[in-house]
Amino acid sequence: MGDGDAPAPRKTFGMQQGSGFLTPRQRRLAWLGFLLAAIQAPVAARLVADGSWLFSLVVALMVATVIIADDARRRQPASAPTSD
């Protein structure tokens, strides 16, 4: 340390970075799709008399499930086995 060498990098909690099954672009598109479907559902519920707005709600929940699963995969410890 005193001789000008930089300290060795430390491993932080053994976490993997960016190891989810979605690419960064797919992740941004998933968030965009979730937000659009989540906003469209209450607007459609207000404007449409039938229950077709529920489809937007179901799509938003499905996309949210994919985003949560990707988050869980990214937060796995480096030593944890995957089920691939």
C-alpha atoms as a PDB file:
ATOM      1  CA  MET A   1       0.000   0.000   0.000  1.00  0.00           C
ATOM      2  CA  GLY A   2       2.727   2.458   0.887  1.00  0.00           C
ATOM      3  CA  ASP A   3       4.823   1.679  -2.186  1.00  0.00           C
ATOM      4  CA  GLY A   4       2.331   3.171  -4.674  1.00  0.00           C
ATOM      5  CA  ASP A   5       0.427  -0.018  -5.488  1.00  0.00           C
ATOM      6  CA  ALA A   6      -3.329   0.217  -5.533  1.00  0.00           C
ATOM      7  CA  PRO A   7      -5.126  -1.998  -3.041  1.00  0.00           C
ATOM      8  CA  ALA A   8      -6.561  -5.232  -4.418  1.00  0.00           C
ATOM      9  CA  PRO A   9     -10.270  -4.997  -5.262  1.00  0.00           C
ATOM     10  CA  ARG A  10     -12.573  -6.592  -2.722  1.00  0.00           C
ATOM     11  CA  LYS A  11     -15.411  -8.905  -3.590  1.00  0.00           C
ATOM     12  CA  THR A  12     -18.699  -7.392  -2.426  1.00  0.00           C
ATOM     13  CA  PHE A  13     -21.015 -10.009  -0.911  1.00  0.00           C
ATOM     14  CA  GLY A  14     -20.256 -12.450  -3.737  1.00  0.00           C
ATOM     15  CA  MET A  15     -23.000 -10.961  -5.905  1.00  0.00           C
ATOM     16  CA  GLN A  16     -23.107 -11.280  -9.670  1.00  0.00           C
ATOM     17  CA  GLN A  17     -23.655  -8.125 -11.673  1.00  0.00           C
ATOM     18  CA  GLY A  18     -25.834  -8.198 -14.755  1.00  0.00           C
ATOM     19  CA  SER A  19     -26.369 -11.951 -14.854  1.00  0.00           C
ATOM     20  CA  GLY A  20     -30.133 -11.949 -15.357  1.00  0.00           C
ATOM     21  CA  PHE A  21     -31.807 -13.577 -18.327  1.00  0.00           C
ATOM     22  CA  LEU A  22     -32.888 -10.225 -19.803  1.00  0.00           C
ATOM     23  CA  THR A  23     -30.445  -8.018 -21.662  1.00  0.00           C
ATOM     24  CA  PRO A  24     -30.363  -4.352 -20.602  1.00  0.00           C
ATOM     25  CA  ARG A  25     -32.363  -3.408 -23.708  1.00  0.00           C
ATOM     26  CA  GLN A  26     -34.985  -6.084 -23.033  1.00  0.00           C
ATOM     27  CA  ARG A  27     -35.176  -4.927 -19.430  1.00  0.00           C
ATOM     28  CA  ARG A  28     -35.851  -1.313 -20.490  1.00  0.00           C
ATOM     29  CA  LEU A  29     -38.504  -2.487 -22.950  1.00  0.00           C
ATOM     30  CA  ALA A  30     -40.114  -4.643 -20.249  1.00  0.00           C
ATOM     31  CA  TRP A  31     -40.308  -1.641 -17.922  1.00  0.00           C
ATOM     32  CA  LEU A  32     -41.777   0.466 -20.720  1.00  0.00           C
ATOM     33  CA  GLY A  33     -44.347  -2.218 -21.517  1.00  0.00           C
ATOM     34  CA  PHE A  34     -45.251  -2.561 -17.863  1.00  0.00           C
ATOM     35  CA  LEU A  35     -45.740   1.162 -17.426  1.00  0.00           C
ATOM     36  CA  LEU A  36     -47.815   1.500 -20.595  1.00  0.00           C
ATOM     37  CA  ALA A  37     -50.072  -1.445 -19.693  1.00  0.00           C
ATOM     38  CA  ALA A  38     -50.407  -0.287 -16.078  1.00  0.00           C
ATOM     39  CA  ILE A  39     -51.423   3.200 -17.198  1.00  0.00           C
ATOM     40  CA  GLN A  40     -53.734   1.961 -19.941  1.00  0.00           C
ATOM     41  CA  ALA A  41     -55.764  -0.353 -17.649  1.00  0.00           C
ATOM     42  CA  PRO A  42     -57.413   2.300 -15.445  1.00  0.00           C
ATOM     43  CA  VAL A  43     -57.947   4.610 -18.432  1.00  0.00           C
ATOM     44  CA  ALA A  44     -59.703   1.817 -20.323  1.00  0.00           C
ATOM     45  CA  ALA A  45     -61.733   0.920 -17.230  1.00  0.00           C
ATOM     46  CA  ARG A  46     -63.033   4.470 -17.124  1.00  0.00           C
ATOM     47  CA  LEU A  47     -63.817   4.661 -20.856  1.00  0.00           C
ATOM     48  CA  VAL A  48     -65.045   1.132 -21.695  1.00  0.00           C
ATOM     49  CA  ALA A  49     -68.235  -0.322 -20.241  1.00  0.00           C
ATOM     50  CA  ASP A  50     -67.212  -3.994 -20.450  1.00  0.00           C
ATOM     51  CA  GLY A  51     -64.435  -5.784 -18.582  1.00  0.00           C
ATOM     52  CA  SER A  52     -61.916  -5.834 -21.439  1.00  0.00           C
ATOM     53  CA  TRP A  53     -59.629  -3.527 -19.456  1.00  0.00           C
ATOM     54  CA  LEU A  54     -58.728  -6.538 -17.302  1.00  0.00           C
ATOM     55  CA  PHE A  55     -56.576  -7.808 -20.175  1.00  0.00           C
ATOM     56  CA  SER A  56     -54.244  -4.818 -19.752  1.00  0.00           C
ATOM     57  CA  LEU A  57     -54.033  -5.502 -16.040  1.00  0.00           C
ATOM     58  CA  VAL A  58     -53.135  -9.162 -16.633  1.00  0.00           C
ATOM     59  CA  VAL A  59     -50.457  -8.208 -19.183  1.00  0.00           C
ATOM     60  CA  ALA A  60     -48.970  -5.667 -16.751  1.00  0.00           C
ATOM     61  CA  LEU A  61     -48.859  -8.314 -14.005  1.00  0.00           C
ATOM     62  CA  MET A  62     -47.193 -10.836 -16.323  1.00  0.00           C
ATOM     63  CA  VAL A  63     -44.518  -8.350 -17.377  1.00  0.00           C
ATOM     64  CA  ALA A  64     -43.974  -7.389 -13.733  1.00  0.00           C
ATOM     65  CA  THR A  65     -43.462 -11.077 -12.899  1.00  0.00           C
ATOM     66  CA  VAL A  66     -40.759 -11.346 -15.572  1.00  0.00           C
ATOM     67  CA  ILE A  67     -39.012  -8.221 -14.245  1.00  0.00           C
ATOM     68  CA  ILE A  68     -39.124  -9.568 -10.669  1.00  0.00           C
ATOM     69  CA  ALA A  69     -37.763 -12.953 -11.798  1.00  0.00           C
ATOM     70  CA  ASP A  70     -34.918 -11.195 -13.631  1.00  0.00           C
ATOM     71  CA  ASP A  71     -34.155  -9.159 -10.491  1.00  0.00           C
ATOM     72  CA  ALA A  72     -34.068 -12.332  -8.397  1.00  0.00           C
ATOM     73  CA  ARG A  73     -31.695 -13.967 -10.872  1.00  0.00           C
ATOM     74  CA  ARG A  74     -29.396 -10.909 -10.845  1.00  0.00           C
ATOM     75  CA  ARG A  75     -29.269 -10.869  -7.042  1.00  0.00           C
ATOM     76  CA  GLN A  76     -28.256 -14.511  -6.624  1.00  0.00           C
ATOM     77  CA  PRO A  77     -24.939 -15.030  -4.841  1.00  0.00           C
ATOM     78  CA  ALA A  78     -22.071 -15.978  -7.132  1.00  0.00           C
ATOM     79  CA  SER A  79     -21.707 -19.393  -5.502  1.00  0.00           C
ATOM     80  CA  ALA A  80     -25.408 -20.313  -5.738  1.00  0.00           C
ATOM     81  CA  PRO A  81     -26.167 -23.026  -8.284  1.00  0.00           C
ATOM     82  CA  THR A  82     -28.587 -22.141 -11.056  1.00  0.00           C
ATOM     83  CA  SER A  83     -31.368 -24.434 -12.180  1.00  0.00           C
ATOM     84  CA  ASP A  84     -30.481 -24.144 -15.891  1.00  0.00           C
END
